[in-house]
Amino acid sequence: MDDGNPYGDHTGNAQNCSSLYGKILRIDVNNPSQGRNYGIPKDNPFVGNTAGYKEEIYAYGFRNPWRFSFDSATDKLWAGDVGQDRMEEIDVVEKGGNYGWNIMEGTLPYAGGNQTGLKPPIWTYGRSQGNATIGGFVYYGSKLTELTGSYIYGDYVSGRIWALNS
């Protein structure tokens, strides 16, 4: 889910775990509970917290993640996160991870703040190469064996497609 702001996350949603904005959520649609159409997996990172954090949150600190997918061989969760002005990023998402928005934009400081514990992206590219990263998938097909195990993703604005060795 994006940060809910038109520019710069001026409300701080991505770093606020009491908000669902700027997060990747993990829910269980097969086991509704507590009057919701879904349940919350018991091993989500904020289940049972007393700080008012949303229990649906799996990871946070995202600006605008466009598509994510699981690597079918490793179960790693890959996501493309659209940047604000300077950088696009690719992340491998981990349970409870803070991916830095709006403290950081990719690997560059944005609004500033404590960078301790932030998960850096595994790949970034600047606006000279594109303006809106679109998450892809790790390829295990049989036709392009030289790409086996590579993360295939693209940029919505430039139309470029890349393979990132995973």
Protein backbone atom coordinates (compact mmCIF):
# COMPACT_ATOMS: atom_id res chain seq x y z
CA MET A 1 0.00 0.00 0.00
CA ASP A 2 1.40 3.44 -0.88
CA ASP A 3 2.13 6.13 1.72
CA GLY A 4 -1.20 7.90 1.11
CA ASN A 5 0.35 11.26 0.26
CA PRO A 6 0.80 13.06 -3.04
CA TYR A 7 4.36 14.16 -2.22
CA GLY A 8 7.05 13.38 0.35
CA ASP A 9 4.90 11.55 2.92
CA HIS A 10 4.42 14.79 4.86
CA THR A 11 2.11 12.95 7.30
CA GLY A 12 4.76 10.33 8.13
CA ASN A 13 2.54 7.35 7.31
CA ALA A 14 5.30 5.04 6.06
CA GLN A 15 7.14 5.18 9.40
CA ASN A 16 3.97 5.14 11.54
CA CYS A 17 3.00 1.55 12.35
CA SER A 18 -0.42 2.74 13.58
CA SER A 19 -1.24 3.40 9.91
CA LEU A 20 -1.60 0.87 7.09
CA TYR A 21 -0.18 3.32 4.53
CA GLY A 22 3.38 2.74 3.32
CA LYS A 23 3.31 -0.92 4.32
CA ILE A 24 3.22 -4.42 2.94
CA LEU A 25 0.38 -6.21 4.66
CA ARG A 26 -0.04 -9.90 5.37
CA ILE A 27 -3.53 -11.24 5.98
CA ASP A 28 -5.27 -14.61 5.91
CA VAL A 29 -8.38 -14.53 3.70
CA ASN A 30 -9.22 -18.15 4.52
CA ASN A 31 -9.70 -17.55 8.25
CA PRO A 32 -11.76 -14.42 8.96
CA SER A 33 -11.76 -13.27 12.57
CA GLN A 34 -12.84 -10.45 14.85
CA GLY A 35 -15.63 -9.35 12.50
CA ARG A 36 -13.27 -8.81 9.56
CA ASN A 37 -13.31 -10.54 6.18
CA TYR A 38 -9.79 -11.75 6.93
CA GLY A 39 -7.65 -12.97 9.77
CA ILE A 40 -4.18 -11.93 10.84
CA PRO A 41 -1.44 -14.57 10.82
CA LYS A 42 -0.26 -15.21 14.38
CA ASP A 43 3.39 -14.79 13.38
CA ASN A 44 3.01 -11.30 11.87
CA PRO A 45 5.60 -9.02 13.50
CA PHE A 46 3.16 -6.77 15.40
CA VAL A 47 0.58 -9.33 16.58
CA GLY A 48 -0.25 -8.73 20.23
CA ASN A 49 1.62 -5.42 20.47
CA THR A 50 0.42 -2.85 23.02
CA ALA A 51 1.65 0.19 21.10
CA GLY A 52 -1.39 0.41 18.79
CA TYR A 53 0.49 -0.86 15.76
CA LYS A 54 -1.63 -2.47 13.03
CA GLU A 55 -1.28 -6.22 13.27
CA GLU A 56 -1.76 -6.62 9.49
CA ILE A 57 1.69 -5.07 8.88
CA TYR A 58 4.37 -7.41 7.59
CA ALA A 59 6.96 -4.73 6.65
CA TYR A 60 6.97 -0.92 6.52
CA GLY A 61 8.77 2.15 5.23
CA PHE A 62 7.57 1.97 1.60
CA ARG A 63 6.64 4.87 -0.65
CA ASN A 64 4.71 3.13 -3.41
CA PRO A 65 5.43 -0.58 -3.89
CA TRP A 66 4.30 -1.61 -7.36
CA ARG A 67 3.98 -5.36 -7.52
CA PHE A 68 5.71 -7.90 -5.39
CA SER A 69 6.27 -11.61 -5.86
CA PHE A 70 7.73 -14.61 -4.12
CA ASP A 71 10.74 -16.42 -5.52
CA SER A 72 9.39 -19.93 -6.08
CA ALA A 73 12.73 -21.54 -5.18
CA THR A 74 13.71 -19.52 -2.08
CA ASP A 75 10.39 -18.01 -0.90
CA LYS A 76 12.07 -14.58 -0.75
CA LEU A 77 9.61 -11.72 -1.22
CA TRP A 78 10.76 -9.24 -3.89
CA ALA A 79 9.21 -5.78 -4.38
CA GLY A 80 9.72 -2.74 -6.56
CA ASP A 81 9.21 0.56 -4.71
CA VAL A 82 8.63 3.71 -6.76
CA GLY A 83 10.78 6.62 -5.59
CA GLN A 84 9.86 10.27 -5.11
CA ASP A 85 12.33 12.38 -7.12
CA ARG A 86 15.70 10.71 -7.39
CA MET A 87 15.78 6.93 -7.04
CA GLU A 88 13.82 3.78 -7.78
CA GLU A 89 14.47 0.73 -5.64
CA ILE A 90 14.19 -3.04 -5.53
CA ASP A 91 13.83 -4.67 -2.11
CA VAL A 92 13.90 -8.17 -0.72
CA VAL A 93 11.25 -7.82 1.96
CA GLU A 94 11.74 -9.39 5.38
CA LYS A 95 9.25 -9.79 8.21
CA GLY A 96 9.21 -6.65 10.37
CA GLY A 97 11.71 -4.83 8.15
CA ASN A 98 11.77 -1.04 7.88
CA TYR A 99 12.66 -0.04 4.30
CA GLY A 100 13.31 3.57 5.15
CA TRP A 101 10.83 5.82 3.36
CA ASN A 102 10.70 8.86 4.04
CA ILE A 103 13.94 8.92 6.00
CA MET A 104 15.64 7.63 2.86
CA GLU A 105 14.82 7.49 -0.82
CA GLY A 106 16.65 4.40 -1.97
CA THR A 107 20.19 4.88 -0.64
CA LEU A 108 19.94 8.69 -0.42
CA PRO A 109 18.77 10.69 2.60
CA TYR A 110 15.33 12.22 2.03
CA ALA A 111 13.64 13.82 5.06
CA GLY A 112 16.38 12.72 7.42
CA GLY A 113 16.13 10.94 10.71
CA ASN A 114 17.60 7.93 12.44
CA GLN A 115 18.83 5.39 9.90
CA THR A 116 19.58 2.71 12.50
CA GLY A 117 18.06 -0.63 11.56
CA LEU A 118 16.79 0.42 8.13
CA LYS A 119 16.87 -2.28 5.45
CA PRO A 120 18.67 -0.90 2.39
CA PRO A 121 17.41 -1.77 -1.08
CA ILE A 122 19.30 -4.49 -2.90
CA TRP A 123 19.27 -2.36 -6.06
CA THR A 124 18.56 1.23 -7.02
CA TYR A 125 18.60 3.26 -10.19
CA GLY A 126 18.37 6.95 -10.84
CA ARG A 127 15.88 8.99 -12.79
CA SER A 128 18.12 9.03 -15.86
CA GLN A 129 17.14 5.34 -16.34
CA GLY A 130 13.46 5.49 -15.39
CA ASN A 131 10.81 6.99 -13.13
CA ALA A 132 8.60 4.17 -11.85
CA THR A 133 9.98 0.73 -11.06
CA ILE A 134 7.57 -2.14 -11.46
CA GLY A 135 8.30 -5.27 -9.45
CA GLY A 136 8.67 -8.47 -11.36
CA PHE A 137 9.57 -12.08 -10.64
CA VAL A 138 12.52 -14.45 -10.36
CA TYR A 139 12.77 -16.40 -13.61
CA TYR A 140 12.99 -20.19 -13.65
CA GLY A 141 11.78 -20.85 -17.18
CA SER A 142 13.38 -23.17 -19.71
CA LYS A 143 13.61 -20.85 -22.75
CA LEU A 144 16.14 -18.28 -21.49
CA THR A 145 18.42 -20.37 -19.30
CA GLU A 146 20.96 -17.54 -18.99
CA LEU A 147 18.32 -15.68 -16.93
CA THR A 148 17.57 -18.57 -14.56
CA GLY A 149 17.46 -17.25 -11.00
CA SER A 150 17.44 -13.59 -12.10
CA TYR A 151 14.87 -11.08 -10.92
CA ILE A 152 13.13 -9.64 -13.99
CA TYR A 153 11.59 -6.19 -13.50
CA GLY A 154 10.79 -3.09 -15.50
CA ASP A 155 10.21 0.63 -15.43
CA TYR A 156 6.74 1.91 -16.28
CA VAL A 157 7.89 5.27 -17.64
CA SER A 158 11.01 4.34 -19.61
CA GLY A 159 9.67 0.96 -20.76
CA ARG A 160 13.00 -0.66 -19.94
CA ILE A 161 13.19 -4.24 -18.66
CA TRP A 162 16.15 -5.53 -16.65
CA ALA A 163 17.42 -8.74 -15.12
CA LEU A 164 19.01 -8.51 -11.69
CA ASN A 165 21.10 -11.47 -10.61
CA SER A 166 19.57 -12.69 -7.37
